[in-house]
Amino acid sequence: MKKDNKGFSLIELLIVLAIMGLLVGTTVNVWYYFRQADVKQASKLINTMLEYTRTNTMSINANWEMKIEKDITDDTYYVTVYRNGNLWRKNELGKRISIYTVKGSAETEITSSVSASITFKMDTGGIKECGGAEAYRIKSGDKVVDVKLVPLTGAHYVEYQ
């Protein structure tokens, strides 16, 4: 009996390696895209909640405060809005990101023990208290987005870097 067991040819091996390379490359690109999407989504949500807090401060007779916090139990960032000290809304920002307050060239990471808080003036809508923050910076990998604050008017906007 003759056995014809020659194994793989070099061409077959190269084709398999090329297919594996394509799969790995696609997976890395998809992973990178999702990390960028997390940063973009978090910055838009922070910007929206800032406007929500500012609008409610000017239109509803109550003390409104927005906080960005990190939960120690699951390492997830949240943006929360309080009305007269009571939790009003809480939205998840994500886990695969890092959020910082920016003052000049200094960044302070928001951790489970350090949160960021902002309140607005009822009469003008300007920023009443923000701990001196000029922006909130959201990062993931090399993707960086700032939510800039304008203290005098209370305006805010998203700036992509």
C-alpha atoms as a PDB file:
ATOM      1  CA  MET A   1       0.000   0.000   0.000  1.00  0.00           C
ATOM      2  CA  LYS A   2       1.315   3.370  -0.974  1.00  0.00           C
ATOM      3  CA  LYS A   3       0.601   6.375   1.267  1.00  0.00           C
ATOM      4  CA  ASP A   4       0.386   9.732  -0.479  1.00  0.00           C
ATOM      5  CA  ASN A   5       0.801  12.003   2.558  1.00  0.00           C
ATOM      6  CA  LYS A   6       2.831  14.968   1.367  1.00  0.00           C
ATOM      7  CA  GLY A   7       1.443  17.673   3.743  1.00  0.00           C
ATOM      8  CA  PHE A   8       0.819  21.298   2.789  1.00  0.00           C
ATOM      9  CA  SER A   9       2.468  23.041  -0.088  1.00  0.00           C
ATOM     10  CA  LEU A  10       4.116  26.387   0.409  1.00  0.00           C
ATOM     11  CA  ILE A  11       1.394  28.089  -1.665  1.00  0.00           C
ATOM     12  CA  GLU A  12      -1.376  26.655   0.533  1.00  0.00           C
ATOM     13  CA  LEU A  13       0.429  27.806   3.667  1.00  0.00           C
ATOM     14  CA  LEU A  14       0.868  31.351   2.280  1.00  0.00           C
ATOM     15  CA  ILE A  15      -2.820  31.567   1.348  1.00  0.00           C
ATOM     16  CA  VAL A  16      -3.868  30.528   4.862  1.00  0.00           C
ATOM     17  CA  LEU A  17      -1.485  33.093   6.415  1.00  0.00           C
ATOM     18  CA  ALA A  18      -2.829  35.818   4.113  1.00  0.00           C
ATOM     19  CA  ILE A  19      -6.428  35.035   5.104  1.00  0.00           C
ATOM     20  CA  MET A  20      -5.481  35.051   8.802  1.00  0.00           C
ATOM     21  CA  GLY A  21      -3.726  38.396   8.349  1.00  0.00           C
ATOM     22  CA  LEU A  22      -6.851  39.897   6.769  1.00  0.00           C
ATOM     23  CA  LEU A  23      -9.024  38.648   9.623  1.00  0.00           C
ATOM     24  CA  VAL A  24      -6.686  40.029  12.286  1.00  0.00           C
ATOM     25  CA  GLY A  25      -6.407  43.375  10.491  1.00  0.00           C
ATOM     26  CA  THR A  26     -10.185  43.676  10.212  1.00  0.00           C
ATOM     27  CA  THR A  27     -10.638  42.822  13.882  1.00  0.00           C
ATOM     28  CA  VAL A  28      -8.124  45.472  14.966  1.00  0.00           C
ATOM     29  CA  ASN A  29      -9.811  48.114  12.775  1.00  0.00           C
ATOM     30  CA  VAL A  30     -13.266  47.280  14.161  1.00  0.00           C
ATOM     31  CA  TRP A  31     -11.935  47.442  17.747  1.00  0.00           C
ATOM     32  CA  TYR A  32     -10.304  50.826  17.042  1.00  0.00           C
ATOM     33  CA  TYR A  33     -13.541  52.145  15.501  1.00  0.00           C
ATOM     34  CA  PHE A  34     -15.572  51.138  18.578  1.00  0.00           C
ATOM     35  CA  ARG A  35     -13.135  52.913  20.913  1.00  0.00           C
ATOM     36  CA  GLN A  36     -13.432  56.084  18.840  1.00  0.00           C
ATOM     37  CA  ALA A  37     -17.226  55.766  18.862  1.00  0.00           C
ATOM     38  CA  ASP A  38     -17.198  55.539  22.691  1.00  0.00           C
ATOM     39  CA  VAL A  39     -15.298  58.834  22.956  1.00  0.00           C
ATOM     40  CA  LYS A  40     -17.584  60.589  20.487  1.00  0.00           C
ATOM     41  CA  GLN A  41     -20.736  59.274  22.165  1.00  0.00           C
ATOM     42  CA  ALA A  42     -19.547  60.276  25.660  1.00  0.00           C
ATOM     43  CA  SER A  43     -18.638  63.810  24.532  1.00  0.00           C
ATOM     44  CA  LYS A  44     -22.029  64.297  22.880  1.00  0.00           C
ATOM     45  CA  LEU A  45     -23.841  63.029  25.969  1.00  0.00           C
ATOM     46  CA  ILE A  46     -21.872  65.339  28.288  1.00  0.00           C
ATOM     47  CA  ASN A  47     -22.632  68.270  25.974  1.00  0.00           C
ATOM     48  CA  THR A  48     -26.342  67.365  25.912  1.00  0.00           C
ATOM     49  CA  MET A  49     -26.542  67.001  29.695  1.00  0.00           C
ATOM     50  CA  LEU A  50     -24.776  70.362  30.165  1.00  0.00           C
ATOM     51  CA  GLU A  51     -27.464  72.006  28.043  1.00  0.00           C
ATOM     52  CA  TYR A  52     -30.201  70.106  29.894  1.00  0.00           C
ATOM     53  CA  THR A  53     -28.852  71.309  33.257  1.00  0.00           C
ATOM     54  CA  ARG A  54     -28.378  74.889  32.053  1.00  0.00           C
ATOM     55  CA  THR A  55     -31.863  75.084  30.522  1.00  0.00           C
ATOM     56  CA  ASN A  56     -33.544  73.638  33.604  1.00  0.00           C
ATOM     57  CA  THR A  57     -31.611  76.004  35.885  1.00  0.00           C
ATOM     58  CA  MET A  58     -32.923  79.008  33.955  1.00  0.00           C
ATOM     59  CA  SER A  59     -36.514  77.787  33.491  1.00  0.00           C
ATOM     60  CA  ILE A  60     -37.409  75.732  36.599  1.00  0.00           C
ATOM     61  CA  ASN A  61     -37.086  77.246  40.062  1.00  0.00           C
ATOM     62  CA  ALA A  62     -34.711  74.664  41.562  1.00  0.00           C
ATOM     63  CA  ASN A  63     -31.020  74.076  42.148  1.00  0.00           C
ATOM     64  CA  TRP A  64     -29.675  71.933  39.300  1.00  0.00           C
ATOM     65  CA  GLU A  65     -26.215  70.364  39.285  1.00  0.00           C
ATOM     66  CA  MET A  66     -24.474  68.098  36.793  1.00  0.00           C
ATOM     67  CA  LYS A  67     -21.711  65.704  37.858  1.00  0.00           C
ATOM     68  CA  ILE A  68     -19.376  63.397  35.994  1.00  0.00           C
ATOM     69  CA  GLU A  69     -18.539  60.460  38.230  1.00  0.00           C
ATOM     70  CA  LYS A  70     -16.785  57.119  38.036  1.00  0.00           C
ATOM     71  CA  ASP A  71     -18.334  54.114  39.762  1.00  0.00           C
ATOM     72  CA  ILE A  72     -15.746  52.162  41.742  1.00  0.00           C
ATOM     73  CA  THR A  73     -17.626  48.865  41.458  1.00  0.00           C
ATOM     74  CA  ASP A  74     -17.531  48.544  37.672  1.00  0.00           C
ATOM     75  CA  ASP A  75     -15.145  51.318  36.487  1.00  0.00           C
ATOM     76  CA  THR A  76     -17.931  52.963  34.493  1.00  0.00           C
ATOM     77  CA  TYR A  77     -18.264  56.715  34.025  1.00  0.00           C
ATOM     78  CA  TYR A  78     -21.679  58.314  34.526  1.00  0.00           C
ATOM     79  CA  VAL A  79     -23.106  61.788  33.973  1.00  0.00           C
ATOM     80  CA  THR A  80     -25.706  62.549  36.623  1.00  0.00           C
ATOM     81  CA  VAL A  81     -28.054  65.476  37.093  1.00  0.00           C
ATOM     82  CA  TYR A  82     -29.327  66.447  40.521  1.00  0.00           C
ATOM     83  CA  ARG A  83     -32.345  68.614  41.312  1.00  0.00           C
ATOM     84  CA  ASN A  84     -32.230  70.180  44.780  1.00  0.00           C
ATOM     85  CA  GLY A  85     -29.643  67.569  45.783  1.00  0.00           C
ATOM     86  CA  ASN A  86     -31.745  64.594  44.647  1.00  0.00           C
ATOM     87  CA  LEU A  87     -30.790  62.358  41.747  1.00  0.00           C
ATOM     88  CA  TRP A  88     -32.832  63.365  38.707  1.00  0.00           C
ATOM     89  CA  ARG A  89     -31.123  61.632  35.754  1.00  0.00           C
ATOM     90  CA  LYS A  90     -28.199  59.245  35.398  1.00  0.00           C
ATOM     91  CA  ASN A  91     -26.675  58.231  32.066  1.00  0.00           C
ATOM     92  CA  GLU A  92     -23.782  55.850  31.416  1.00  0.00           C
ATOM     93  CA  LEU A  93     -20.831  57.339  29.534  1.00  0.00           C
ATOM     94  CA  GLY A  94     -18.787  54.152  29.173  1.00  0.00           C
ATOM     95  CA  LYS A  95     -15.976  51.963  30.493  1.00  0.00           C
ATOM     96  CA  ARG A  96     -13.350  52.036  27.757  1.00  0.00           C
ATOM     97  CA  ILE A  97     -12.703  55.750  28.156  1.00  0.00           C
ATOM     98  CA  SER A  98     -10.936  58.120  30.557  1.00  0.00           C
ATOM     99  CA  ILE A  99     -12.365  61.526  31.461  1.00  0.00           C
ATOM    100  CA  TYR A 100     -10.396  64.504  32.756  1.00  0.00           C
ATOM    101  CA  THR A 101     -11.098  68.055  33.891  1.00  0.00           C
ATOM    102  CA  VAL A 102      -8.819  70.533  32.128  1.00  0.00           C
ATOM    103  CA  LYS A 103      -7.533  73.715  33.798  1.00  0.00           C
ATOM    104  CA  GLY A 104      -4.950  75.462  31.629  1.00  0.00           C
ATOM    105  CA  SER A 105      -2.454  72.791  30.646  1.00  0.00           C
ATOM    106  CA  ALA A 106      -3.227  70.592  33.680  1.00  0.00           C
ATOM    107  CA  GLU A 107      -5.456  67.518  33.445  1.00  0.00           C
ATOM    108  CA  THR A 108      -7.051  65.866  36.470  1.00  0.00           C
ATOM    109  CA  GLU A 109      -8.517  62.426  35.889  1.00  0.00           C
ATOM    110  CA  ILE A 110     -12.010  61.828  37.199  1.00  0.00           C
ATOM    111  CA  THR A 111     -11.819  58.780  39.454  1.00  0.00           C
ATOM    112  CA  SER A 112     -14.054  57.106  41.994  1.00  0.00           C
ATOM    113  CA  SER A 113     -12.818  59.637  44.576  1.00  0.00           C
ATOM    114  CA  VAL A 114     -12.645  62.723  42.283  1.00  0.00           C
ATOM    115  CA  SER A 115     -15.758  63.877  40.430  1.00  0.00           C
ATOM    116  CA  ALA A 116     -16.489  66.944  38.316  1.00  0.00           C
ATOM    117  CA  SER A 117     -19.429  69.174  39.165  1.00  0.00           C
ATOM    118  CA  ILE A 118     -20.985  72.156  37.417  1.00  0.00           C
ATOM    119  CA  THR A 119     -23.839  74.534  38.241  1.00  0.00           C
ATOM    120  CA  PHE A 120     -25.304  77.457  36.309  1.00  0.00           C
ATOM    121  CA  LYS A 121     -26.682  80.893  37.271  1.00  0.00           C
ATOM    122  CA  MET A 122     -30.475  81.169  37.185  1.00  0.00           C
ATOM    123  CA  ASP A 123     -30.583  84.690  35.720  1.00  0.00           C
ATOM    124  CA  THR A 124     -27.954  84.552  32.940  1.00  0.00           C
ATOM    125  CA  GLY A 125     -27.274  80.855  32.392  1.00  0.00           C
ATOM    126  CA  GLY A 126     -23.579  81.535  32.917  1.00  0.00           C
ATOM    127  CA  ILE A 127     -21.478  79.032  34.823  1.00  0.00           C
ATOM    128  CA  LYS A 128     -21.830  79.520  38.567  1.00  0.00           C
ATOM    129  CA  GLU A 129     -19.378  76.850  39.743  1.00  0.00           C
ATOM    130  CA  CYS A 130     -17.258  74.341  37.847  1.00  0.00           C
ATOM    131  CA  GLY A 131     -14.175  73.964  40.031  1.00  0.00           C
ATOM    132  CA  GLY A 132     -12.190  76.100  37.595  1.00  0.00           C
ATOM    133  CA  ALA A 133     -12.537  73.570  34.781  1.00  0.00           C
ATOM    134  CA  GLU A 134     -12.177  74.985  31.275  1.00  0.00           C
ATOM    135  CA  ALA A 135     -13.107  71.724  29.579  1.00  0.00           C
ATOM    136  CA  TYR A 136     -13.896  68.061  30.065  1.00  0.00           C
ATOM    137  CA  ARG A 137     -11.503  65.840  28.081  1.00  0.00           C
ATOM    138  CA  ILE A 138     -12.513  62.351  26.978  1.00  0.00           C
ATOM    139  CA  LYS A 139      -9.781  59.953  25.852  1.00  0.00           C
ATOM    140  CA  SER A 140      -9.473  56.424  24.585  1.00  0.00           C
ATOM    141  CA  GLY A 141      -6.244  55.326  22.960  1.00  0.00           C
ATOM    142  CA  ASP A 142      -5.155  58.161  20.684  1.00  0.00           C
ATOM    143  CA  LYS A 143      -8.690  59.579  20.277  1.00  0.00           C
ATOM    144  CA  VAL A 144      -9.212  62.798  22.267  1.00  0.00           C
ATOM    145  CA  VAL A 145     -12.315  65.009  22.400  1.00  0.00           C
ATOM    146  CA  ASP A 146     -12.849  68.119  24.541  1.00  0.00           C
ATOM    147  CA  VAL A 147     -16.138  69.564  25.740  1.00  0.00           C
ATOM    148  CA  LYS A 148     -15.181  73.229  26.145  1.00  0.00           C
ATOM    149  CA  LEU A 149     -16.893  75.518  28.656  1.00  0.00           C
ATOM    150  CA  VAL A 150     -17.538  79.267  28.276  1.00  0.00           C
ATOM    151  CA  PRO A 151     -18.033  80.542  31.866  1.00  0.00           C
ATOM    152  CA  LEU A 152     -19.565  83.953  31.109  1.00  0.00           C
ATOM    153  CA  THR A 153     -22.425  82.695  28.956  1.00  0.00           C
ATOM    154  CA  GLY A 154     -22.622  79.065  30.034  1.00  0.00           C
ATOM    155  CA  ALA A 155     -22.125  78.010  26.428  1.00  0.00           C
ATOM    156  CA  HIS A 156     -20.293  74.776  25.706  1.00  0.00           C
ATOM    157  CA  TYR A 157     -19.210  72.958  22.590  1.00  0.00           C
ATOM    158  CA  VAL A 158     -17.445  69.793  21.457  1.00  0.00           C
ATOM    159  CA  GLU A 159     -13.978  70.130  19.961  1.00  0.00           C
ATOM    160  CA  TYR A 160     -12.400  67.167  18.170  1.00  0.00           C
ATOM    161  CA  GLN A 161      -8.612  66.912  18.251  1.00  0.00           C
END
